[in-house]
Amino acid sequence: MTDVSYRPPSRSRGARIALRWGLYLMLGVFAFWYLLPLFVMLTTSLKNLEEIRSGSLLALPREITLEPWKTAWSGACTGIRCDGLQPFFWNSVMLAVPAVAISTLIGAMNGYVIAQWRFRGANLIFSLMLFGCFIPFQVVLLPMARTLGIIGIAGTIPGLIFVHVIYGIGFTTLFFRNYYVTIPAELTKAAKIDGAGFFRIFWSVFLPLSLPIIVVTVIWQFTQIWNDFLFGVSFSQAGTQPVTVALNNIVNSTTGVKEYNVDMAAAIIAALPTLLVYVVAGKYFIRGLTAGSVKG
């Protein structure tokens, strides 16, 4: 009896190669499109003002100069501007590092409790914290300003740390809870049988297993806190402003001639920490996201 079942024609080797190179070409076009603004920023920051006015936006600098970078960082007075990013950059460092550490630790503890220590109302509490992740920044501005005033830390870096810790707890709890539910409950039971208590189980059992999700949380929180502008401009004052607020002040300066090279250098300096974090730990970020995606 003749076999009349349909067999799709096999794709030739040439067609597979053409398809692969077509895919590479499409990805290259998208990469070029998204990296073009960064290229323009970098090249413009290395040009002097005369070359910017007379040359092409996409042209490489004829003569490389680092003066815009020096002005953007140190704020050397040129008759046009006397402000730089240096003190505000370190303000952001002093803000982001403790805020990330505190919110990550609290989120790990919350996720551990909700995922492994079952108690009445755990799901309701988690749902409310999850709801807090979707509250817009603008909604909490007035209540948060009032709270900071009552506590006595309004307009200070500790006040900004407090704001970012509170707003980030919902996200960090979500990350750690979804990761910890994938860890077998038998580990907790075995530790209890061995006499370990609440904190001993957390520090000795769960925290050593949490490196993938810790990386995810740290990258997420650091990026959100470092790039934040609304909280920084709302809850800071002169001397305590983060780098994003200082960058806005530099770019929107209307005194004298517009220094586009300094503006571009300042933007790159402000973005460098988050870029470096993703370059160094980007692959761990993806691994950490997928680590808690499947329970088992």
Protein backbone atom coordinates (compact mmCIF):
# COMPACT_ATOMS: atom_id res chain seq x y z
CA MET A 1 0.00 0.00 0.00
CA THR A 2 1.39 3.36 -1.04
CA ASP A 3 2.22 5.83 1.73
CA VAL A 4 0.37 9.02 0.82
CA SER A 5 1.08 10.89 4.07
CA TYR A 6 2.25 14.48 3.48
CA ARG A 7 5.89 15.28 4.12
CA PRO A 8 6.85 18.96 4.03
CA PRO A 9 9.76 19.62 1.67
CA SER A 10 13.07 19.89 3.48
CA ARG A 11 14.54 23.36 3.50
CA SER A 12 17.75 23.58 1.51
CA ARG A 13 21.03 24.55 3.17
CA GLY A 14 21.17 27.75 1.12
CA ALA A 15 17.73 28.82 2.31
CA ARG A 16 18.69 28.23 5.95
CA ILE A 17 21.84 30.30 5.55
CA ALA A 18 19.89 33.11 3.86
CA LEU A 19 17.29 33.07 6.63
CA ARG A 20 19.99 33.18 9.29
CA TRP A 21 21.80 36.11 7.68
CA GLY A 22 18.50 37.90 7.17
CA LEU A 23 17.82 37.54 10.88
CA TYR A 24 21.30 38.84 11.70
CA LEU A 25 20.77 41.80 9.40
CA MET A 26 17.44 42.67 11.01
CA LEU A 27 18.95 42.44 14.50
CA GLY A 28 21.87 44.59 13.37
CA VAL A 29 19.50 47.27 12.07
CA PHE A 30 17.61 47.32 15.37
CA ALA A 31 20.86 47.46 17.35
CA PHE A 32 22.12 50.33 15.18
CA TRP A 33 18.82 52.19 15.62
CA TYR A 34 18.89 51.93 19.41
CA LEU A 35 22.63 52.63 19.79
CA LEU A 36 22.62 55.66 17.47
CA PRO A 37 21.57 58.16 20.20
CA LEU A 38 24.37 56.89 22.46
CA PHE A 39 26.85 57.30 19.60
CA VAL A 40 25.68 60.87 19.00
CA MET A 41 25.94 61.68 22.71
CA LEU A 42 29.47 60.26 22.95
CA THR A 43 30.81 61.97 19.83
CA THR A 44 29.19 65.30 20.69
CA SER A 45 30.70 65.21 24.18
CA LEU A 46 34.18 64.94 22.62
CA LYS A 47 33.78 67.96 20.29
CA ASN A 48 34.26 71.65 20.92
CA LEU A 49 31.41 74.10 20.37
CA GLU A 50 32.76 75.40 17.07
CA GLU A 51 32.86 71.91 15.58
CA ILE A 52 29.34 71.16 16.85
CA ARG A 53 27.99 74.29 15.15
CA SER A 54 29.77 73.75 11.82
CA GLY A 55 29.94 69.95 11.57
CA SER A 56 27.51 67.09 11.11
CA LEU A 57 25.71 65.53 14.05
CA LEU A 58 26.85 62.02 13.05
CA ALA A 59 30.43 62.95 12.18
CA LEU A 60 33.34 61.77 14.30
CA PRO A 61 35.18 64.54 16.18
CA ARG A 62 38.01 66.07 14.16
CA GLU A 63 39.86 66.93 17.35
CA ILE A 64 39.01 65.10 20.57
CA THR A 65 38.68 67.28 23.67
CA LEU A 66 37.91 66.23 27.24
CA GLU A 67 37.11 69.73 28.47
CA PRO A 68 33.33 69.12 28.30
CA TRP A 69 33.78 66.10 30.57
CA LYS A 70 35.87 68.09 33.03
CA THR A 71 33.30 70.88 33.08
CA ALA A 72 30.39 68.46 33.48
CA TRP A 73 32.12 66.69 36.37
CA SER A 74 33.94 69.38 38.31
CA GLY A 75 32.00 72.43 37.19
CA ALA A 76 35.04 74.53 36.42
CA CYS A 77 33.85 78.10 35.93
CA THR A 78 34.03 79.17 32.29
CA GLY A 79 31.96 82.34 32.45
CA ILE A 80 28.95 80.35 31.33
CA ARG A 81 28.44 77.82 34.13
CA CYS A 82 30.09 77.00 37.47
CA ASP A 83 28.14 73.93 38.46
CA GLY A 84 29.20 70.30 38.09
CA LEU A 85 27.85 66.84 38.78
CA GLN A 86 30.53 65.69 41.23
CA PRO A 87 28.82 66.47 44.60
CA PHE A 88 25.42 65.35 43.31
CA PHE A 89 26.89 62.13 41.90
CA TRP A 90 28.16 61.22 45.37
CA ASN A 91 24.78 62.20 46.81
CA SER A 92 23.23 59.56 44.56
CA VAL A 93 25.82 57.01 45.68
CA MET A 94 25.10 57.73 49.36
CA LEU A 95 21.39 57.45 48.55
CA ALA A 96 21.32 54.38 46.31
CA VAL A 97 23.68 52.03 48.18
CA PRO A 98 21.89 51.98 51.59
CA ALA A 99 18.43 52.19 49.99
CA VAL A 100 19.17 49.16 47.81
CA ALA A 101 20.69 47.19 50.70
CA ILE A 102 17.86 47.92 53.15
CA SER A 103 15.00 47.33 50.70
CA THR A 104 16.61 44.09 49.47
CA LEU A 105 17.04 42.76 53.01
CA ILE A 106 13.48 43.65 54.01
CA GLY A 107 12.11 42.17 50.78
CA ALA A 108 14.04 38.95 51.37
CA MET A 109 12.64 38.68 54.88
CA ASN A 110 9.10 39.41 53.73
CA GLY A 111 9.31 36.91 50.87
CA TYR A 112 10.70 34.28 53.22
CA VAL A 113 7.85 34.77 55.70
CA ILE A 114 5.07 34.83 53.10
CA ALA A 115 6.38 31.88 51.07
CA GLN A 116 7.58 29.50 53.79
CA TRP A 117 5.90 30.43 57.09
CA ARG A 118 2.25 30.01 56.36
CA PHE A 119 -0.04 32.12 58.55
CA ARG A 120 -3.58 33.41 58.37
CA GLY A 121 -3.83 36.43 56.07
CA ALA A 122 -0.48 35.87 54.32
CA ASN A 123 -2.05 35.96 50.87
CA LEU A 124 -4.01 39.11 51.72
CA ILE A 125 -0.88 40.87 52.96
CA PHE A 126 1.01 39.86 49.85
CA SER A 127 -1.83 41.09 47.63
CA LEU A 128 -1.84 44.46 49.37
CA MET A 129 1.92 44.79 48.97
CA LEU A 130 1.60 43.80 45.33
CA PHE A 131 -1.09 46.46 44.92
CA GLY A 132 1.37 49.00 46.26
CA CYS A 133 3.68 48.30 43.30
CA PHE A 134 1.10 49.81 40.95
CA ILE A 135 0.44 53.02 42.86
CA PRO A 136 1.78 55.93 40.76
CA PHE A 137 4.57 58.03 42.22
CA GLN A 138 2.44 61.17 42.06
CA VAL A 139 -0.18 59.74 44.42
CA VAL A 140 2.23 59.40 47.35
CA LEU A 141 3.99 62.76 47.02
CA LEU A 142 1.85 64.74 49.48
CA PRO A 143 1.43 61.97 52.12
CA MET A 144 5.14 61.18 51.93
CA ALA A 145 6.12 64.85 52.25
CA ARG A 146 3.91 65.13 55.33
CA THR A 147 5.44 61.97 56.80
CA LEU A 148 8.99 63.19 56.22
CA GLY A 149 8.13 66.47 57.89
CA ILE A 150 6.71 64.73 60.96
CA ILE A 151 9.76 62.49 61.25
CA GLY A 152 12.08 65.45 60.78
CA ILE A 153 14.09 64.18 57.80
CA ALA A 154 12.54 66.28 55.02
CA GLY A 155 15.04 67.57 52.49
CA THR A 156 17.80 65.20 53.60
CA ILE A 157 19.50 62.18 52.08
CA PRO A 158 18.17 59.91 54.88
CA GLY A 159 14.71 61.15 53.92
CA LEU A 160 15.26 60.11 50.30
CA ILE A 161 16.59 56.75 51.48
CA PHE A 162 13.43 56.27 53.54
CA VAL A 163 11.21 57.13 50.54
CA HIS A 164 12.92 54.68 48.19
CA VAL A 165 12.99 51.90 50.78
CA ILE A 166 9.26 52.25 51.44
CA TYR A 167 8.34 52.43 47.76
CA GLY A 168 10.64 49.54 46.83
CA ILE A 169 9.50 47.04 49.47
CA GLY A 170 6.56 45.90 47.33
CA PHE A 171 8.81 45.01 44.39
CA THR A 172 11.51 43.33 46.46
CA THR A 173 8.92 41.29 48.35
CA LEU A 174 7.39 40.19 45.05
CA PHE A 175 10.76 39.05 43.68
CA PHE A 176 11.78 37.09 46.76
CA ARG A 177 8.36 35.56 47.42
CA ASN A 178 8.15 34.21 43.87
CA TYR A 179 11.65 32.78 44.23
CA TYR A 180 11.19 31.25 47.67
CA VAL A 181 8.01 29.39 46.73
CA THR A 182 10.19 27.29 44.39
CA ILE A 183 12.32 26.08 47.33
CA PRO A 184 10.95 22.81 48.79
CA ALA A 185 9.22 23.23 52.15
CA GLU A 186 11.04 20.09 53.32
CA LEU A 187 14.15 22.24 53.83
CA THR A 188 12.32 24.37 56.37
CA LYS A 189 10.87 21.30 58.10
CA ALA A 190 14.27 19.61 58.28
CA ALA A 191 15.84 22.74 59.73
CA LYS A 192 13.10 22.96 62.36
CA ILE A 193 13.70 19.34 63.32
CA ASP A 194 17.40 20.15 63.78
CA GLY A 195 16.41 22.91 66.19
CA ALA A 196 16.91 25.93 63.93
CA GLY A 197 14.68 28.89 64.60
CA PHE A 198 13.14 31.55 62.36
CA PHE A 199 16.22 33.70 61.82
CA ARG A 200 18.69 30.79 61.77
CA ILE A 201 16.76 29.15 58.92
CA PHE A 202 16.68 32.43 57.03
CA TRP A 203 20.39 33.22 57.39
CA SER A 204 21.78 29.69 57.09
CA VAL A 205 19.39 28.03 54.62
CA PHE A 206 17.52 30.53 52.46
CA LEU A 207 19.92 33.43 52.10
CA PRO A 208 22.78 31.26 50.71
CA LEU A 209 20.33 29.97 48.06
CA SER A 210 19.20 33.47 47.12
CA LEU A 211 22.12 34.78 45.05
CA PRO A 212 20.23 34.76 41.69
CA ILE A 213 17.25 36.70 43.01
CA ILE A 214 19.47 39.02 45.06
CA VAL A 215 21.23 40.02 41.84
CA VAL A 216 17.87 40.67 40.16
CA THR A 217 16.63 42.75 43.08
CA VAL A 218 19.82 44.77 43.42
CA ILE A 219 19.91 45.61 39.70
CA TRP A 220 16.22 46.51 39.66
CA GLN A 221 16.35 48.66 42.78
CA PHE A 222 19.63 50.35 41.88
CA THR A 223 18.33 51.27 38.43
CA GLN A 224 15.04 52.60 39.77
CA ILE A 225 16.66 54.62 42.55
CA TRP A 226 19.57 55.99 40.54
CA ASN A 227 17.36 57.07 37.62
CA ASP A 228 14.61 58.53 39.78
CA PHE A 229 13.86 62.19 39.22
CA LEU A 230 10.43 62.83 40.73
CA PHE A 231 11.26 61.83 44.31
CA GLY A 232 14.63 63.53 44.05
CA VAL A 233 13.24 66.87 42.96
CA SER A 234 10.29 66.67 45.38
CA PHE A 235 12.02 65.60 48.61
CA SER A 236 15.48 67.18 48.34
CA GLN A 237 16.91 70.63 48.69
CA ALA A 238 20.10 72.44 47.69
CA GLY A 239 23.05 70.28 48.69
CA THR A 240 21.13 67.00 48.93
CA GLN A 241 19.87 66.69 45.35
CA PRO A 242 20.66 63.47 43.44
CA VAL A 243 22.51 63.44 40.14
CA THR A 244 19.35 63.32 38.02
CA VAL A 245 18.14 66.63 39.44
CA ALA A 246 21.56 68.21 38.90
CA LEU A 247 21.59 66.89 35.32
CA ASN A 248 18.22 68.50 34.68
CA ASN A 249 19.52 71.81 36.05
CA ILE A 250 22.58 71.67 33.79
CA VAL A 251 20.68 70.74 30.63
CA ASN A 252 17.96 73.36 31.21
CA SER A 253 20.45 76.12 31.99
CA THR A 254 19.73 79.12 29.76
CA THR A 255 22.61 81.36 30.88
CA GLY A 256 24.94 82.28 28.01
CA VAL A 257 25.77 79.99 25.10
CA LYS A 258 24.22 76.53 25.11
CA GLU A 259 27.02 73.99 25.69
CA TYR A 260 25.69 70.85 24.03
CA ASN A 261 28.98 69.02 24.52
CA VAL A 262 28.84 69.57 28.28
CA ASP A 263 25.19 68.50 28.37
CA MET A 264 26.00 65.25 26.55
CA ALA A 265 28.99 64.53 28.78
CA ALA A 266 26.88 65.16 31.88
CA ALA A 267 24.15 62.82 30.61
CA ILE A 268 26.67 60.03 30.00
CA ILE A 269 28.25 60.52 33.45
CA ALA A 270 24.83 60.31 35.08
CA ALA A 271 23.99 57.13 33.15
CA LEU A 272 27.34 55.35 33.56
CA PRO A 273 26.61 53.53 36.87
CA THR A 274 23.46 51.85 35.56
CA LEU A 275 25.13 51.03 32.25
CA LEU A 276 28.06 49.43 34.05
CA VAL A 277 25.73 47.45 36.31
CA TYR A 278 23.93 45.96 33.30
CA VAL A 279 27.15 45.28 31.39
CA VAL A 280 28.73 43.50 34.36
CA ALA A 281 25.68 41.69 35.76
CA GLY A 282 23.17 41.66 32.89
CA LYS A 283 23.43 37.92 32.25
CA TYR A 284 22.88 37.20 35.95
CA PHE A 285 19.79 39.41 35.82
CA ILE A 286 18.22 37.20 33.14
CA ARG A 287 19.21 34.01 35.00
CA GLY A 288 17.72 35.34 38.21
CA LEU A 289 14.44 36.24 36.55
CA THR A 290 14.04 32.75 35.11
CA ALA A 291 15.26 30.99 38.27
CA GLY A 292 11.99 31.58 40.08
CA SER A 293 9.69 31.24 37.11
CA VAL A 294 8.92 27.52 37.55
CA LYS A 295 7.94 25.89 40.80
CA GLY A 296 9.47 22.51 41.39
